[in-house]
C-alpha atoms as a PDB file:
ATOM      1  CA  UNK A   1     157.663 150.921 141.787  1.00  0.00           C
ATOM      2  CA  UNK A   2     157.900 147.885 139.541  1.00  0.00           C
ATOM      3  CA  UNK A   3     154.818 145.742 139.415  1.00  0.00           C
ATOM      4  CA  UNK A   4     154.380 143.147 136.713  1.00  0.00           C
ATOM      5  CA  UNK A   5     151.725 140.767 135.492  1.00  0.00           C
ATOM      6  CA  UNK A   6     153.458 141.037 132.171  1.00  0.00           C
ATOM      7  CA  UNK A   7     157.134 141.936 132.010  1.00  0.00           C
ATOM      8  CA  UNK A   8     157.850 145.649 132.421  1.00  0.00           C
ATOM      9  CA  UNK A   9     159.337 145.851 128.932  1.00  0.00           C
ATOM     10  CA  UNK A  10     156.084 144.581 127.407  1.00  0.00           C
ATOM     11  CA  UNK A  11     153.968 147.019 129.412  1.00  0.00           C
ATOM     12  CA  UNK A  12     156.244 149.895 128.402  1.00  0.00           C
ATOM     13  CA  UNK A  13     156.074 148.767 124.768  1.00  0.00           C
ATOM     14  CA  UNK A  14     152.248 148.667 124.844  1.00  0.00           C
ATOM     15  CA  UNK A  15     152.149 152.118 126.444  1.00  0.00           C
ATOM     16  CA  UNK A  16     154.553 153.489 123.822  1.00  0.00           C
ATOM     17  CA  UNK A  17     152.479 152.045 120.974  1.00  0.00           C
ATOM     18  CA  UNK A  18     149.324 153.575 122.429  1.00  0.00           C
ATOM     19  CA  UNK A  19     150.911 156.994 122.630  1.00  0.00           C
ATOM     20  CA  UNK A  20     152.500 156.686 119.178  1.00  0.00           C
ATOM     21  CA  UNK A  21     149.134 155.713 117.698  1.00  0.00           C
ATOM     22  CA  UNK A  22     147.458 158.698 119.308  1.00  0.00           C
ATOM     23  CA  UNK A  23     150.083 161.246 118.277  1.00  0.00           C
ATOM     24  CA  UNK A  24     150.900 159.911 114.822  1.00  0.00           C
ATOM     25  CA  UNK A  25     149.508 161.698 111.837  1.00  0.00           C
ATOM     26  CA  UNK A  26     149.774 161.337 108.086  1.00  0.00           C
ATOM     27  CA  UNK A  27     153.308 162.712 107.998  1.00  0.00           C
ATOM     28  CA  UNK A  28     155.908 160.673 109.852  1.00  0.00           C
ATOM     29  CA  UNK A  29     157.876 163.515 111.428  1.00  0.00           C
ATOM     30  CA  UNK A  30     158.029 164.963 114.907  1.00  0.00           C
ATOM     31  CA  UNK A  31     154.722 165.584 116.605  1.00  0.00           C
ATOM     32  CA  UNK A  32     153.591 168.555 118.557  1.00  0.00           C
ATOM     33  CA  UNK A  33     151.566 167.495 121.588  1.00  0.00           C
ATOM     34  CA  UNK A  34     148.885 169.925 122.643  1.00  0.00           C
ATOM     35  CA  UNK A  35     147.691 167.886 125.611  1.00  0.00           C
ATOM     36  CA  UNK A  36     149.983 165.971 128.012  1.00  0.00           C
ATOM     37  CA  UNK A  37     149.742 162.177 127.922  1.00  0.00           C
ATOM     38  CA  UNK A  38     148.895 162.208 131.619  1.00  0.00           C
ATOM     39  CA  UNK A  39     145.761 164.231 130.851  1.00  0.00           C
ATOM     40  CA  UNK A  40     144.710 161.892 128.055  1.00  0.00           C
ATOM     41  CA  UNK A  41     144.855 158.956 130.478  1.00  0.00           C
ATOM     42  CA  UNK A  42     142.349 160.571 132.845  1.00  0.00           C
ATOM     43  CA  UNK A  43     138.739 159.314 132.739  1.00  0.00           C
ATOM     44  CA  UNK A  44     136.386 161.212 130.443  1.00  0.00           C
ATOM     45  CA  UNK A  45     134.448 162.544 133.430  1.00  0.00           C
ATOM     46  CA  UNK A  46     137.653 164.205 134.666  1.00  0.00           C
ATOM     47  CA  UNK A  47     138.492 165.900 131.357  1.00  0.00           C
ATOM     48  CA  UNK A  48     140.604 163.202 129.742  1.00  0.00           C
ATOM     49  CA  UNK A  49     139.971 160.771 126.913  1.00  0.00           C
ATOM     50  CA  UNK A  50     139.885 157.640 129.044  1.00  0.00           C
ATOM     51  CA  UNK A  51     142.982 156.038 127.518  1.00  0.00           C
ATOM     52  CA  UNK A  52     144.258 153.414 129.919  1.00  0.00           C
ATOM     53  CA  UNK A  53     147.540 153.853 131.695  1.00  0.00           C
ATOM     54  CA  UNK A  54     148.903 150.344 131.259  1.00  0.00           C
ATOM     55  CA  UNK A  55     151.038 150.431 134.418  1.00  0.00           C
ATOM     56  CA  UNK A  56     148.043 151.324 136.584  1.00  0.00           C
ATOM     57  CA  UNK A  57     145.846 148.820 134.758  1.00  0.00           C
ATOM     58  CA  UNK A  58     148.445 146.124 135.445  1.00  0.00           C
ATOM     59  CA  UNK A  59     148.498 147.130 139.117  1.00  0.00           C
ATOM     60  CA  UNK A  60     144.705 146.822 139.243  1.00  0.00           C
ATOM     61  CA  UNK A  61     144.804 143.324 137.736  1.00  0.00           C
ATOM     62  CA  UNK A  62     147.448 142.205 140.208  1.00  0.00           C
ATOM     63  CA  UNK A  63     145.515 143.818 143.063  1.00  0.00           C
ATOM     64  CA  UNK A  64     142.520 141.716 142.095  1.00  0.00           C
ATOM     65  CA  UNK A  65     144.673 138.591 142.379  1.00  0.00           C
ATOM     66  CA  UNK A  66     145.788 139.674 145.855  1.00  0.00           C
ATOM     67  CA  UNK A  67     142.134 140.191 146.801  1.00  0.00           C
ATOM     68  CA  UNK A  68     141.231 136.719 145.507  1.00  0.00           C
ATOM     69  CA  UNK A  69     144.042 135.119 147.507  1.00  0.00           C
ATOM     70  CA  UNK A  70     142.787 136.866 150.642  1.00  0.00           C
ATOM     71  CA  UNK A  71     139.119 135.958 150.193  1.00  0.00           C
ATOM     72  CA  UNK A  72     139.078 132.622 148.349  1.00  0.00           C
ATOM     73  CA  UNK A  73     141.052 130.277 150.552  1.00  0.00           C
ATOM     74  CA  UNK A  74     139.450 127.132 149.146  1.00  0.00           C
ATOM     75  CA  UNK A  75     140.831 127.520 145.602  1.00  0.00           C
ATOM     76  CA  UNK A  76     143.665 125.486 144.129  1.00  0.00           C
ATOM     77  CA  UNK A  77     145.601 128.684 143.408  1.00  0.00           C
ATOM     78  CA  UNK A  78     145.498 129.671 147.096  1.00  0.00           C
ATOM     79  CA  UNK A  79     146.523 126.192 148.219  1.00  0.00           C
ATOM     80  CA  UNK A  80     149.512 126.059 145.861  1.00  0.00           C
ATOM     81  CA  UNK A  81     150.764 129.571 146.652  1.00  0.00           C
ATOM     82  CA  UNK A  82     150.168 129.301 150.390  1.00  0.00           C
ATOM     83  CA  UNK A  83     151.940 125.956 150.684  1.00  0.00           C
ATOM     84  CA  UNK A  84     155.105 127.397 149.168  1.00  0.00           C
ATOM     85  CA  UNK A  85     155.101 131.111 149.949  1.00  0.00           C
ATOM     86  CA  UNK A  86     152.873 131.869 152.955  1.00  0.00           C
ATOM     87  CA  UNK A  87     152.226 128.715 155.009  1.00  0.00           C
ATOM     88  CA  UNK A  88     150.410 130.605 157.776  1.00  0.00           C
ATOM     89  CA  UNK A  89     147.657 131.569 155.276  1.00  0.00           C
ATOM     90  CA  UNK A  90     148.347 135.316 155.440  1.00  0.00           C
ATOM     91  CA  UNK A  91     149.596 136.715 152.134  1.00  0.00           C
ATOM     92  CA  UNK A  92     151.103 139.705 153.956  1.00  0.00           C
ATOM     93  CA  UNK A  93     153.395 137.410 155.971  1.00  0.00           C
ATOM     94  CA  UNK A  94     154.976 135.745 152.952  1.00  0.00           C
ATOM     95  CA  UNK A  95     158.362 134.181 153.474  1.00  0.00           C
ATOM     96  CA  UNK A  96     161.333 135.005 151.258  1.00  0.00           C
ATOM     97  CA  UNK A  97     162.036 132.210 148.805  1.00  0.00           C
ATOM     98  CA  UNK A  98     164.994 131.848 146.469  1.00  0.00           C
ATOM     99  CA  UNK A  99     163.968 131.593 142.826  1.00  0.00           C
ATOM    100  CA  UNK A 100     160.308 132.433 143.361  1.00  0.00           C
ATOM    101  CA  UNK A 101     158.077 132.216 140.302  1.00  0.00           C
ATOM    102  CA  UNK A 102     157.509 135.299 138.181  1.00  0.00           C
ATOM    103  CA  UNK A 103     153.785 135.200 139.013  1.00  0.00           C
ATOM    104  CA  UNK A 104     154.386 135.050 142.744  1.00  0.00           C
ATOM    105  CA  UNK A 105     157.006 137.806 142.621  1.00  0.00           C
ATOM    106  CA  UNK A 106     154.483 140.047 140.851  1.00  0.00           C
ATOM    107  CA  UNK A 107     151.691 139.252 143.323  1.00  0.00           C
ATOM    108  CA  UNK A 108     153.957 139.668 146.371  1.00  0.00           C
ATOM    109  CA  UNK A 109     155.235 143.037 145.120  1.00  0.00           C
ATOM    110  CA  UNK A 110     151.655 144.195 144.595  1.00  0.00           C
ATOM    111  CA  UNK A 111     150.576 142.940 148.017  1.00  0.00           C
ATOM    112  CA  UNK A 112     153.398 144.917 149.596  1.00  0.00           C
ATOM    113  CA  UNK A 113     152.453 148.038 147.626  1.00  0.00           C
ATOM    114  CA  UNK A 114     148.776 147.733 148.586  1.00  0.00           C
ATOM    115  CA  UNK A 115     149.379 146.659 152.188  1.00  0.00           C
ATOM    116  CA  UNK A 116     148.805 150.132 153.648  1.00  0.00           C
ATOM    117  CA  UNK A 117     145.377 150.313 152.015  1.00  0.00           C
ATOM    118  CA  UNK A 118     144.148 147.145 153.673  1.00  0.00           C
ATOM    119  CA  UNK A 119     142.819 147.091 157.199  1.00  0.00           C
ATOM    120  CA  UNK A 120     141.203 144.727 159.617  1.00  0.00           C
ATOM    121  CA  UNK A 121     137.621 144.720 160.632  1.00  0.00           C
ATOM    122  CA  UNK A 122     137.572 143.581 164.237  1.00  0.00           C
ATOM    123  CA  UNK A 123     135.359 140.558 164.665  1.00  0.00           C
ATOM    124  CA  UNK A 124     136.062 138.247 167.562  1.00  0.00           C
ATOM    125  CA  UNK A 125     139.731 139.344 167.633  1.00  0.00           C
ATOM    126  CA  UNK A 126     141.273 135.900 167.126  1.00  0.00           C
ATOM    127  CA  UNK A 127     143.277 136.667 163.991  1.00  0.00           C
ATOM    128  CA  UNK A 128     144.443 140.213 164.645  1.00  0.00           C
ATOM    129  CA  UNK A 129     147.837 141.204 165.929  1.00  0.00           C
ATOM    130  CA  UNK A 130     147.408 144.706 167.347  1.00  0.00           C
ATOM    131  CA  UNK A 131     151.144 145.421 167.176  1.00  0.00           C
ATOM    132  CA  UNK A 132     151.787 144.536 163.525  1.00  0.00           C
ATOM    133  CA  UNK A 133     148.480 144.668 161.637  1.00  0.00           C
ATOM    134  CA  UNK A 134     147.031 147.787 160.047  1.00  0.00           C
ATOM    135  CA  UNK A 135     143.665 148.146 161.769  1.00  0.00           C
END
């Protein structure tokens, strides 16, 4: 799954520098790891050291942008993106566009990845499509 707010190479580079900083010692040789990196990235309450996993942190930041586009329809950002990429106002029904911006590609990929976690709360039923929407 490739999700980017920053390019993947930059995120991987940041993650590598974090791990190198943690494992480096005074001598610049090979390092023996006593604890897996995955464990170190767990929150302190779960037995880790709370070091951020940059890929998941990036996903969280992009998820917040998806949430803002869903809930803040009066912003300039929503108006610009919706006019070009999802004219019906639903970010999950985005149309395919040639040469989409890097920002939109990142947000659309995240929206697709998070789509299963979103659901409808039935109000008056005007905006729900019972055949296609996850409710």
